[in-house]
Amino acid sequence: MKRIFALLMFGMIIAGSTAQNSERFEVDQYNAASRTPEPFSFSVTTLTPEDLKWSMHYSGGYGERVEGPFGYDGVSQQFAVKGYLGNRFTVYANAGLGIPRNGNITSAQQAEIIRDFVGGKKPKGLRLGAGLGVSNDFSNAKSLMSRVTASYEAPHMKATGNALLEHTFLKDRDAIDVIINLGFQYCLIGNLYGGFEAVGQDLEGFWDKEEAEGGAKLLLGPSLNMSPQKSKLSFSLCGGPVIKATTNQQTNPYAIRELPTQSGFIVMGSVIYNLSGI
C-alpha cells in the first residue's frame, strides 16, 4: 500500500513537471493557484469573488488495517458541491458512501455555510471565517456543526486551518466533538503544489476518557495538488499513517469522520470539476 502511495505521488510530480515548459513557468503563479476550488484533501477553504464560482468534487479513500465506513479495509466514496453565494459566503455540501466488506452500503450527508469576516474579497492574503452546518451520519443521527476557518495565500504558497465543533442529538454521544485540520502547500513547479496536511480527530479524547468515538486520532502526511492550465479539472492527493493517540472501549463507526477508528494507513485522492467557465 505504501509503495502504491509513493508511486502515485511520483506520478503526479512527473505529470506536473513534464506538462510545464520554461515559458509557462513564467506565468503568474498566483493566478494559477486561484483556479483550484479546493487544494487540500481534509480542510475546507472559503471562496472569493475572484475564484471560479461552483465546482463538483469526487474523493475516494483507501485504508489498510483500519475499520469504519471512512477507513475500513476497502474504498470509501464522497461527492460534494462547493459554491460562492456572494457577500463572502461559501456553501459546501457533501454526501458520503460507505461500502463495507459485508456489502451493506450506507450513506451520510453534510451541508455548511461559511462566511469570511476578515479578508475574503480577494484570494491573496489572510482570510478568517466562521460558519454553521448540519449533518446526518451513517446511523441517521443528526448533528449541528460550527466551523472556524483560516487561510493565507501568496503567489507561491497556500496555508489553511479548520476547527470543527460538532454536537450530535443522540444519547450516549459526546457533548462536543473537536476536529482540527491544518495544511500547507508550496509551488513545486508550474501549477503543481506540494506540502503536508495534518488532522486531529475527536481531540476531546485527550481530556474525556469516555469519548464516544474511540479516542483521539492523528494523521500527518504529504499533500499534493495539481491544477492544469486551461482545464476544468484539478487533482489532490494526501495520505499517511493514522495514529490512535488515546484509547477508549466505546466506538462509533457510523459518525462522519475523516480518519478511521483504528490505527492504520490511508490515502485520500480527489478530483474537482469546475462548473464555471475557464
C-alpha atoms as a PDB file:
ATOM      1  CA  MET A   1       0.000   0.000   0.000  1.00  0.00           C
ATOM      2  CA  LYS A   2       2.777   2.440   0.888  1.00  0.00           C
ATOM      3  CA  ARG A   3       4.537   1.623  -2.393  1.00  0.00           C
ATOM      4  CA  ILE A   4       1.343   2.430  -4.311  1.00  0.00           C
ATOM      5  CA  PHE A   5       1.060   5.751  -2.486  1.00  0.00           C
ATOM      6  CA  ALA A   6       4.689   6.610  -3.283  1.00  0.00           C
ATOM      7  CA  LEU A   7       4.163   5.745  -6.955  1.00  0.00           C
ATOM      8  CA  LEU A   8       1.067   7.959  -7.103  1.00  0.00           C
ATOM      9  CA  MET A   9       2.977  10.856  -5.579  1.00  0.00           C
ATOM     10  CA  PHE A  10       5.866  10.359  -8.015  1.00  0.00           C
ATOM     11  CA  GLY A  11       3.487  10.114 -10.959  1.00  0.00           C
ATOM     12  CA  MET A  12       1.790  13.419 -10.116  1.00  0.00           C
ATOM     13  CA  ILE A  13       5.154  15.167  -9.811  1.00  0.00           C
ATOM     14  CA  ILE A  14       6.310  13.820 -13.188  1.00  0.00           C
ATOM     15  CA  ALA A  15       2.994  14.712 -14.838  1.00  0.00           C
ATOM     16  CA  GLY A  16       3.124  18.241 -13.498  1.00  0.00           C
ATOM     17  CA  SER A  17       6.754  18.837 -14.407  1.00  0.00           C
ATOM     18  CA  THR A  18       6.579  17.421 -17.940  1.00  0.00           C
ATOM     19  CA  ALA A  19       3.420  19.402 -18.662  1.00  0.00           C
ATOM     20  CA  GLN A  20       5.239  22.668 -17.982  1.00  0.00           C
ATOM     21  CA  ASN A  21       7.878  24.344 -20.137  1.00  0.00           C
ATOM     22  CA  SER A  22      10.056  27.312 -19.268  1.00  0.00           C
ATOM     23  CA  GLU A  23       7.681  29.796 -20.887  1.00  0.00           C
ATOM     24  CA  ARG A  24       4.627  28.560 -18.949  1.00  0.00           C
ATOM     25  CA  PHE A  25       6.624  28.526 -15.739  1.00  0.00           C
ATOM     26  CA  GLU A  26       6.838  32.334 -16.020  1.00  0.00           C
ATOM     27  CA  VAL A  27       3.022  32.617 -15.837  1.00  0.00           C
ATOM     28  CA  ASP A  28       1.716  34.439 -12.770  1.00  0.00           C
ATOM     29  CA  GLN A  29       1.704  31.652 -10.179  1.00  0.00           C
ATOM     30  CA  TYR A  30      -0.855  33.392  -8.021  1.00  0.00           C
ATOM     31  CA  ASN A  31      -3.476  33.442 -10.769  1.00  0.00           C
ATOM     32  CA  ALA A  32      -2.837  29.746 -11.417  1.00  0.00           C
ATOM     33  CA  ALA A  33      -3.239  28.958  -7.720  1.00  0.00           C
ATOM     34  CA  SER A  34      -6.613  30.694  -7.540  1.00  0.00           C
ATOM     35  CA  ARG A  35      -8.038  28.298 -10.152  1.00  0.00           C
ATOM     36  CA  THR A  36      -8.210  25.447  -7.633  1.00  0.00           C
ATOM     37  CA  PRO A  37     -11.524  25.490  -5.717  1.00  0.00           C
ATOM     38  CA  GLU A  38     -10.131  23.170  -3.003  1.00  0.00           C
ATOM     39  CA  PRO A  39      -6.397  22.428  -2.896  1.00  0.00           C
ATOM     40  CA  PHE A  40      -6.494  20.340   0.287  1.00  0.00           C
ATOM     41  CA  SER A  41      -7.947  16.886   0.893  1.00  0.00           C
ATOM     42  CA  PHE A  42      -9.097  17.284   4.504  1.00  0.00           C
ATOM     43  CA  SER A  43      -9.642  21.030   5.051  1.00  0.00           C
ATOM     44  CA  VAL A  44     -12.444  23.256   3.760  1.00  0.00           C
ATOM     45  CA  THR A  45     -11.345  26.640   2.377  1.00  0.00           C
ATOM     46  CA  THR A  46     -13.603  29.593   1.575  1.00  0.00           C
ATOM     47  CA  LEU A  47     -14.117  31.095  -1.882  1.00  0.00           C
ATOM     48  CA  THR A  48     -13.798  34.714  -3.022  1.00  0.00           C
ATOM     49  CA  PRO A  49     -15.386  36.732  -5.868  1.00  0.00           C
ATOM     50  CA  GLU A  50     -12.258  36.130  -7.975  1.00  0.00           C
ATOM     51  CA  ASP A  51     -12.497  32.326  -7.714  1.00  0.00           C
ATOM     52  CA  LEU A  52     -14.460  30.053 -10.008  1.00  0.00           C
ATOM     53  CA  LYS A  53     -17.931  30.124  -8.519  1.00  0.00           C
ATOM     54  CA  TRP A  54     -19.153  26.493  -8.454  1.00  0.00           C
ATOM     55  CA  SER A  55     -17.443  23.115  -8.523  1.00  0.00           C
ATOM     56  CA  MET A  56     -18.174  19.421  -8.080  1.00  0.00           C
ATOM     57  CA  HIS A  57     -15.848  17.201  -6.047  1.00  0.00           C
ATOM     58  CA  TYR A  58     -15.288  13.464  -6.003  1.00  0.00           C
ATOM     59  CA  SER A  59     -12.987  11.893  -3.446  1.00  0.00           C
ATOM     60  CA  GLY A  60     -12.101   8.324  -2.638  1.00  0.00           C
ATOM     61  CA  GLY A  61     -10.160   6.881   0.256  1.00  0.00           C
ATOM     62  CA  TYR A  62      -8.401   3.575   0.784  1.00  0.00           C
ATOM     63  CA  GLY A  63      -7.447   2.188   4.182  1.00  0.00           C
ATOM     64  CA  GLU A  64      -5.209  -0.633   5.392  1.00  0.00           C
ATOM     65  CA  ARG A  65      -5.618  -2.363   8.761  1.00  0.00           C
ATOM     66  CA  VAL A  66      -8.417   0.005   9.760  1.00  0.00           C
ATOM     67  CA  GLU A  67     -12.156  -0.170  10.390  1.00  0.00           C
ATOM     68  CA  GLY A  68     -15.201   2.038   9.953  1.00  0.00           C
ATOM     69  CA  PRO A  69     -17.163   3.499   6.989  1.00  0.00           C
ATOM     70  CA  PHE A  70     -14.441   6.027   6.051  1.00  0.00           C
ATOM     71  CA  GLY A  71     -11.447   3.803   6.752  1.00  0.00           C
ATOM     72  CA  TYR A  72     -12.116   0.083   6.560  1.00  0.00           C
ATOM     73  CA  ASP A  73     -10.044  -2.360   4.517  1.00  0.00           C
ATOM     74  CA  GLY A  74     -11.553  -1.134   1.276  1.00  0.00           C
ATOM     75  CA  VAL A  75     -12.695   2.032  -0.511  1.00  0.00           C
ATOM     76  CA  SER A  76     -14.861   4.959   0.627  1.00  0.00           C
ATOM     77  CA  GLN A  77     -16.593   7.406  -1.731  1.00  0.00           C
ATOM     78  CA  GLN A  78     -17.645  11.030  -1.288  1.00  0.00           C
ATOM     79  CA  PHE A  79     -19.363  13.513  -3.602  1.00  0.00           C
ATOM     80  CA  ALA A  80     -19.536  17.242  -2.871  1.00  0.00           C
ATOM     81  CA  VAL A  81     -20.630  20.595  -4.288  1.00  0.00           C
ATOM     82  CA  LYS A  82     -18.950  23.872  -3.371  1.00  0.00           C
ATOM     83  CA  GLY A  83     -20.016  27.359  -4.409  1.00  0.00           C
ATOM     84  CA  TYR A  84     -19.718  31.078  -3.789  1.00  0.00           C
ATOM     85  CA  LEU A  85     -23.012  32.742  -2.801  1.00  0.00           C
ATOM     86  CA  GLY A  86     -21.788  36.338  -2.809  1.00  0.00           C
ATOM     87  CA  ASN A  87     -21.097  38.737   0.072  1.00  0.00           C
ATOM     88  CA  ARG A  88     -18.188  36.469   1.213  1.00  0.00           C
ATOM     89  CA  PHE A  89     -20.466  33.428   1.783  1.00  0.00           C
ATOM     90  CA  THR A  90     -19.317  29.925   0.763  1.00  0.00           C
ATOM     91  CA  VAL A  91     -21.591  26.877   0.732  1.00  0.00           C
ATOM     92  CA  TYR A  92     -20.264  23.317   0.935  1.00  0.00           C
ATOM     93  CA  ALA A  93     -22.376  20.154   0.846  1.00  0.00           C
ATOM     94  CA  ASN A  94     -21.309  16.528   0.570  1.00  0.00           C
ATOM     95  CA  ALA A  95     -22.676  13.011   0.642  1.00  0.00           C
ATOM     96  CA  GLY A  96     -20.573  10.023   1.593  1.00  0.00           C
ATOM     97  CA  LEU A  97     -20.980   6.354   0.712  1.00  0.00           C
ATOM     98  CA  GLY A  98     -19.514   3.587   2.839  1.00  0.00           C
ATOM     99  CA  ILE A  99     -19.104   0.185   1.213  1.00  0.00           C
ATOM    100  CA  PRO A 100     -18.035  -2.270   3.929  1.00  0.00           C
ATOM    101  CA  ARG A 101     -16.864  -5.779   3.243  1.00  0.00           C
ATOM    102  CA  ASN A 102     -20.287  -7.190   4.178  1.00  0.00           C
ATOM    103  CA  GLY A 103     -21.810  -5.306   1.230  1.00  0.00           C
ATOM    104  CA  ASN A 104     -24.312  -3.205   3.226  1.00  0.00           C
ATOM    105  CA  ILE A 105     -23.922   0.241   1.626  1.00  0.00           C
ATOM    106  CA  THR A 106     -24.627   3.201   3.925  1.00  0.00           C
ATOM    107  CA  SER A 107     -24.727   6.960   3.291  1.00  0.00           C
ATOM    108  CA  ALA A 108     -24.248  10.210   5.187  1.00  0.00           C
ATOM    109  CA  GLN A 109     -24.932  13.861   4.293  1.00  0.00           C
ATOM    110  CA  GLN A 110     -23.495  17.175   5.443  1.00  0.00           C
ATOM    111  CA  ALA A 111     -24.067  20.847   4.499  1.00  0.00           C
ATOM    112  CA  GLU A 112     -22.403  24.055   5.694  1.00  0.00           C
ATOM    113  CA  ILE A 113     -22.452  27.799   5.048  1.00  0.00           C
ATOM    114  CA  ILE A 114     -19.267  29.714   5.924  1.00  0.00           C
ATOM    115  CA  ARG A 115     -18.672  33.469   5.811  1.00  0.00           C
ATOM    116  CA  ASP A 116     -15.332  35.275   5.819  1.00  0.00           C
ATOM    117  CA  PHE A 117     -15.220  38.070   8.396  1.00  0.00           C
ATOM    118  CA  VAL A 118     -11.586  39.040   7.795  1.00  0.00           C
ATOM    119  CA  GLY A 119     -10.489  39.295   4.166  1.00  0.00           C
ATOM    120  CA  GLY A 120     -12.458  37.277   1.639  1.00  0.00           C
ATOM    121  CA  LYS A 121     -12.776  39.892  -1.089  1.00  0.00           C
ATOM    122  CA  LYS A 122      -9.629  38.647  -2.839  1.00  0.00           C
ATOM    123  CA  PRO A 123      -7.821  35.308  -2.604  1.00  0.00           C
ATOM    124  CA  LYS A 124      -4.480  36.892  -1.757  1.00  0.00           C
ATOM    125  CA  GLY A 125      -3.669  37.423   1.906  1.00  0.00           C
ATOM    126  CA  LEU A 126      -5.320  36.355   5.156  1.00  0.00           C
ATOM    127  CA  ARG A 127      -8.911  35.145   5.396  1.00  0.00           C
ATOM    128  CA  LEU A 128     -10.746  34.281   8.625  1.00  0.00           C
ATOM    129  CA  GLY A 129     -14.249  32.838   8.569  1.00  0.00           C
ATOM    130  CA  ALA A 130     -16.884  31.022  10.586  1.00  0.00           C
ATOM    131  CA  GLY A 131     -19.984  29.067   9.710  1.00  0.00           C
ATOM    132  CA  LEU A 132     -22.735  26.664  10.730  1.00  0.00           C
ATOM    133  CA  GLY A 133     -23.881  23.354   9.315  1.00  0.00           C
ATOM    134  CA  VAL A 134     -25.965  20.247   9.805  1.00  0.00           C
ATOM    135  CA  SER A 135     -25.221  16.589   9.160  1.00  0.00           C
ATOM    136  CA  ASN A 136     -26.895  13.202   9.087  1.00  0.00           C
ATOM    137  CA  ASP A 137     -24.465  10.356   9.762  1.00  0.00           C
ATOM    138  CA  PHE A 138     -24.450   6.700   8.677  1.00  0.00           C
ATOM    139  CA  SER A 139     -26.845   5.779  11.514  1.00  0.00           C
ATOM    140  CA  ASN A 140     -29.247   8.682  10.694  1.00  0.00           C
ATOM    141  CA  ALA A 141     -28.119  10.630  13.781  1.00  0.00           C
ATOM    142  CA  LYS A 142     -28.499  14.397  13.309  1.00  0.00           C
ATOM    143  CA  SER A 143     -25.766  16.871  14.291  1.00  0.00           C
ATOM    144  CA  LEU A 144     -25.223  20.620  14.455  1.00  0.00           C
ATOM    145  CA  MET A 145     -21.766  21.862  13.423  1.00  0.00           C
ATOM    146  CA  SER A 146     -19.759  25.044  13.780  1.00  0.00           C
ATOM    147  CA  ARG A 147     -16.570  25.567  11.744  1.00  0.00           C
ATOM    148  CA  VAL A 148     -13.876  28.248  12.048  1.00  0.00           C
ATOM    149  CA  THR A 149     -11.618  28.635   9.009  1.00  0.00           C
ATOM    150  CA  ALA A 150      -8.310  30.389   8.457  1.00  0.00           C
ATOM    151  CA  SER A 151      -6.303  30.594   5.261  1.00  0.00           C
ATOM    152  CA  TYR A 152      -3.427  32.535   3.808  1.00  0.00           C
ATOM    153  CA  GLU A 153      -2.492  32.660   0.134  1.00  0.00           C
ATOM    154  CA  ALA A 154       0.512  34.182  -1.588  1.00  0.00           C
ATOM    155  CA  PRO A 155       1.807  33.785  -5.171  1.00  0.00           C
ATOM    156  CA  HIS A 156       3.750  30.609  -4.354  1.00  0.00           C
ATOM    157  CA  MET A 157       2.140  29.146  -1.226  1.00  0.00           C
ATOM    158  CA  LYS A 158      -1.150  28.275   0.449  1.00  0.00           C
ATOM    159  CA  ALA A 159      -1.876  27.579   4.114  1.00  0.00           C
ATOM    160  CA  THR A 160      -5.140  26.626   5.794  1.00  0.00           C
ATOM    161  CA  GLY A 161      -6.600  25.647   9.137  1.00  0.00           C
ATOM    162  CA  ASN A 162     -10.027  24.457  10.315  1.00  0.00           C
ATOM    163  CA  ALA A 163     -11.528  23.961  13.748  1.00  0.00           C
ATOM    164  CA  LEU A 164     -14.776  21.979  13.623  1.00  0.00           C
ATOM    165  CA  LEU A 165     -17.083  21.592  16.636  1.00  0.00           C
ATOM    166  CA  GLU A 166     -19.959  19.117  16.387  1.00  0.00           C
ATOM    167  CA  HIS A 167     -22.881  18.279  18.669  1.00  0.00           C
ATOM    168  CA  THR A 168     -24.903  15.141  17.905  1.00  0.00           C
ATOM    169  CA  PHE A 169     -28.510  14.962  19.086  1.00  0.00           C
ATOM    170  CA  LEU A 170     -28.337  11.369  20.277  1.00  0.00           C
ATOM    171  CA  LYS A 171     -27.947   9.716  23.645  1.00  0.00           C
ATOM    172  CA  ASP A 172     -24.531   8.313  24.531  1.00  0.00           C
ATOM    173  CA  ARG A 173     -22.733  10.662  22.144  1.00  0.00           C
ATOM    174  CA  ASP A 174     -20.238  13.375  23.088  1.00  0.00           C
ATOM    175  CA  ALA A 175     -21.498  16.795  24.108  1.00  0.00           C
ATOM    176  CA  ILE A 176     -18.940  18.341  21.721  1.00  0.00           C
ATOM    177  CA  ASP A 177     -16.653  16.661  19.171  1.00  0.00           C
ATOM    178  CA  VAL A 178     -13.469  18.544  18.264  1.00  0.00           C
ATOM    179  CA  ILE A 179     -11.679  18.143  14.903  1.00  0.00           C
ATOM    180  CA  ILE A 180      -8.673  20.210  13.756  1.00  0.00           C
ATOM    181  CA  ASN A 181      -7.282  20.275  10.194  1.00  0.00           C
ATOM    182  CA  LEU A 182      -4.096  22.014   9.049  1.00  0.00           C
ATOM    183  CA  GLY A 183      -2.488  22.224   5.617  1.00  0.00           C
ATOM    184  CA  PHE A 184       0.418  23.882   3.838  1.00  0.00           C
ATOM    185  CA  GLN A 185       1.469  23.743   0.178  1.00  0.00           C
ATOM    186  CA  TYR A 186       4.239  25.433  -1.796  1.00  0.00           C
ATOM    187  CA  CYS A 187       4.634  25.723  -5.564  1.00  0.00           C
ATOM    188  CA  LEU A 188       6.971  22.988  -6.792  1.00  0.00           C
ATOM    189  CA  ILE A 189       6.758  23.771 -10.492  1.00  0.00           C
ATOM    190  CA  GLY A 190       4.096  25.390 -12.657  1.00  0.00           C
ATOM    191  CA  ASN A 191       0.681  24.505 -11.245  1.00  0.00           C
ATOM    192  CA  LEU A 192       1.935  21.632  -9.064  1.00  0.00           C
ATOM    193  CA  TYR A 193       1.908  22.324  -5.330  1.00  0.00           C
ATOM    194  CA  GLY A 194       3.263  20.085  -2.581  1.00  0.00           C
ATOM    195  CA  GLY A 195       3.327  20.184   1.195  1.00  0.00           C
ATOM    196  CA  PHE A 196       1.646  18.439   4.102  1.00  0.00           C
ATOM    197  CA  GLU A 197      -1.683  18.051   5.864  1.00  0.00           C
ATOM    198  CA  ALA A 198      -2.384  17.252   9.499  1.00  0.00           C
ATOM    199  CA  VAL A 199      -5.631  16.061  11.064  1.00  0.00           C
ATOM    200  CA  GLY A 200      -6.559  15.798  14.736  1.00  0.00           C
ATOM    201  CA  GLN A 201      -9.858  13.967  15.146  1.00  0.00           C
ATOM    202  CA  ASP A 202     -12.008  13.647  18.278  1.00  0.00           C
ATOM    203  CA  LEU A 203      -9.420  15.586  20.248  1.00  0.00           C
ATOM    204  CA  GLU A 204     -11.749  15.696  23.242  1.00  0.00           C
ATOM    205  CA  GLY A 205     -10.444  12.185  23.873  1.00  0.00           C
ATOM    206  CA  PHE A 206      -7.346  13.782  25.448  1.00  0.00           C
ATOM    207  CA  TRP A 207      -9.418  15.044  28.387  1.00  0.00           C
ATOM    208  CA  ASP A 208     -12.567  12.890  28.199  1.00  0.00           C
ATOM    209  CA  LYS A 209     -11.903   9.223  28.886  1.00  0.00           C
ATOM    210  CA  GLU A 210     -15.492   8.392  27.843  1.00  0.00           C
ATOM    211  CA  GLU A 211     -15.119   9.895  24.363  1.00  0.00           C
ATOM    212  CA  ALA A 212     -17.759   8.169  22.235  1.00  0.00           C
ATOM    213  CA  GLU A 213     -15.777   7.621  19.013  1.00  0.00           C
ATOM    214  CA  GLY A 214     -12.981   5.522  20.464  1.00  0.00           C
ATOM    215  CA  GLY A 215     -10.490   8.232  21.393  1.00  0.00           C
ATOM    216  CA  ALA A 216      -8.351  10.815  19.638  1.00  0.00           C
ATOM    217  CA  LYS A 217      -6.737  10.029  16.253  1.00  0.00           C
ATOM    218  CA  LEU A 218      -3.936  11.865  14.438  1.00  0.00           C
ATOM    219  CA  LEU A 219      -2.649  11.974  10.854  1.00  0.00           C
ATOM    220  CA  LEU A 220       0.321  13.794   9.327  1.00  0.00           C
ATOM    221  CA  GLY A 221       1.220  13.139   5.713  1.00  0.00           C
ATOM    222  CA  PRO A 222       2.375  14.624   2.391  1.00  0.00           C
ATOM    223  CA  SER A 223      -0.091  16.536   0.225  1.00  0.00           C
ATOM    224  CA  LEU A 224      -0.121  17.308  -3.499  1.00  0.00           C
ATOM    225  CA  ASN A 225      -2.384  19.458  -5.662  1.00  0.00           C
ATOM    226  CA  MET A 226      -2.247  19.921  -9.427  1.00  0.00           C
ATOM    227  CA  SER A 227      -4.429  22.288 -11.456  1.00  0.00           C
ATOM    228  CA  PRO A 228      -3.555  22.080 -15.173  1.00  0.00           C
ATOM    229  CA  GLN A 229      -3.872  25.322 -17.103  1.00  0.00           C
ATOM    230  CA  LYS A 230      -6.908  25.743 -19.347  1.00  0.00           C
ATOM    231  CA  SER A 231      -8.563  22.732 -17.720  1.00  0.00           C
ATOM    232  CA  LYS A 232     -11.694  22.476 -15.604  1.00  0.00           C
ATOM    233  CA  LEU A 233     -10.162  19.619 -13.641  1.00  0.00           C
ATOM    234  CA  SER A 234      -7.848  19.739 -10.644  1.00  0.00           C
ATOM    235  CA  PHE A 235      -6.436  16.897  -8.562  1.00  0.00           C
ATOM    236  CA  SER A 236      -5.406  16.427  -4.931  1.00  0.00           C
ATOM    237  CA  LEU A 237      -3.718  13.566  -3.109  1.00  0.00           C
ATOM    238  CA  CYS A 238      -2.873  13.085   0.560  1.00  0.00           C
ATOM    239  CA  GLY A 239      -2.201  10.162   2.862  1.00  0.00           C
ATOM    240  CA  GLY A 240      -0.175   8.766   5.668  1.00  0.00           C
ATOM    241  CA  PRO A 241      -0.237   6.780   8.896  1.00  0.00           C
ATOM    242  CA  VAL A 242      -3.169   7.135  11.285  1.00  0.00           C
ATOM    243  CA  ILE A 243      -2.169   7.079  14.947  1.00  0.00           C
ATOM    244  CA  LYS A 244      -4.652   6.349  17.694  1.00  0.00           C
ATOM    245  CA  ALA A 245      -3.443   8.790  20.362  1.00  0.00           C
ATOM    246  CA  THR A 246      -5.871   7.813  23.141  1.00  0.00           C
ATOM    247  CA  THR A 247      -7.840   4.634  23.748  1.00  0.00           C
ATOM    248  CA  ASN A 248     -11.462   4.165  24.744  1.00  0.00           C
ATOM    249  CA  GLN A 249     -13.528   0.973  24.722  1.00  0.00           C
ATOM    250  CA  GLN A 250     -16.551   2.744  23.244  1.00  0.00           C
ATOM    251  CA  THR A 251     -16.534   3.307  19.470  1.00  0.00           C
ATOM    252  CA  ASN A 252     -18.988   4.668  16.934  1.00  0.00           C
ATOM    253  CA  PRO A 253     -18.142   3.638  13.350  1.00  0.00           C
ATOM    254  CA  TYR A 254     -21.193   5.454  11.948  1.00  0.00           C
ATOM    255  CA  ALA A 255     -20.087   9.025  12.729  1.00  0.00           C
ATOM    256  CA  ILE A 256     -18.929  11.189   9.805  1.00  0.00           C
ATOM    257  CA  ARG A 257     -15.174  11.200  10.227  1.00  0.00           C
ATOM    258  CA  GLU A 258     -12.129  11.827   8.053  1.00  0.00           C
ATOM    259  CA  LEU A 259      -9.986   9.271   9.868  1.00  0.00           C
ATOM    260  CA  PRO A 260     -10.789   5.659  10.785  1.00  0.00           C
ATOM    261  CA  THR A 261     -11.476   4.452  14.310  1.00  0.00           C
ATOM    262  CA  GLN A 262      -8.266   2.407  14.479  1.00  0.00           C
ATOM    263  CA  SER A 263      -4.599   2.925  13.663  1.00  0.00           C
ATOM    264  CA  GLY A 264      -3.513   2.132  10.125  1.00  0.00           C
ATOM    265  CA  PHE A 265      -2.612   3.782   6.821  1.00  0.00           C
ATOM    266  CA  ILE A 266      -4.936   5.696   4.486  1.00  0.00           C
ATOM    267  CA  VAL A 267      -4.737   7.521   1.155  1.00  0.00           C
ATOM    268  CA  MET A 268      -7.279  10.155   0.082  1.00  0.00           C
ATOM    269  CA  GLY A 269      -7.490  11.339  -3.518  1.00  0.00           C
ATOM    270  CA  SER A 270      -9.910  13.824  -5.075  1.00  0.00           C
ATOM    271  CA  VAL A 271     -10.893  15.136  -8.487  1.00  0.00           C
ATOM    272  CA  ILE A 272     -12.559  18.558  -8.764  1.00  0.00           C
ATOM    273  CA  TYR A 273     -14.516  19.764 -11.776  1.00  0.00           C
ATOM    274  CA  ASN A 274     -15.131  23.488 -12.208  1.00  0.00           C
ATOM    275  CA  LEU A 275     -18.703  24.186 -13.272  1.00  0.00           C
ATOM    276  CA  SER A 276     -17.788  27.771 -14.181  1.00  0.00           C
ATOM    277  CA  GLY A 277     -16.056  28.697 -17.417  1.00  0.00           C
ATOM    278  CA  ILE A 278     -12.265  28.831 -17.678  1.00  0.00           C
END
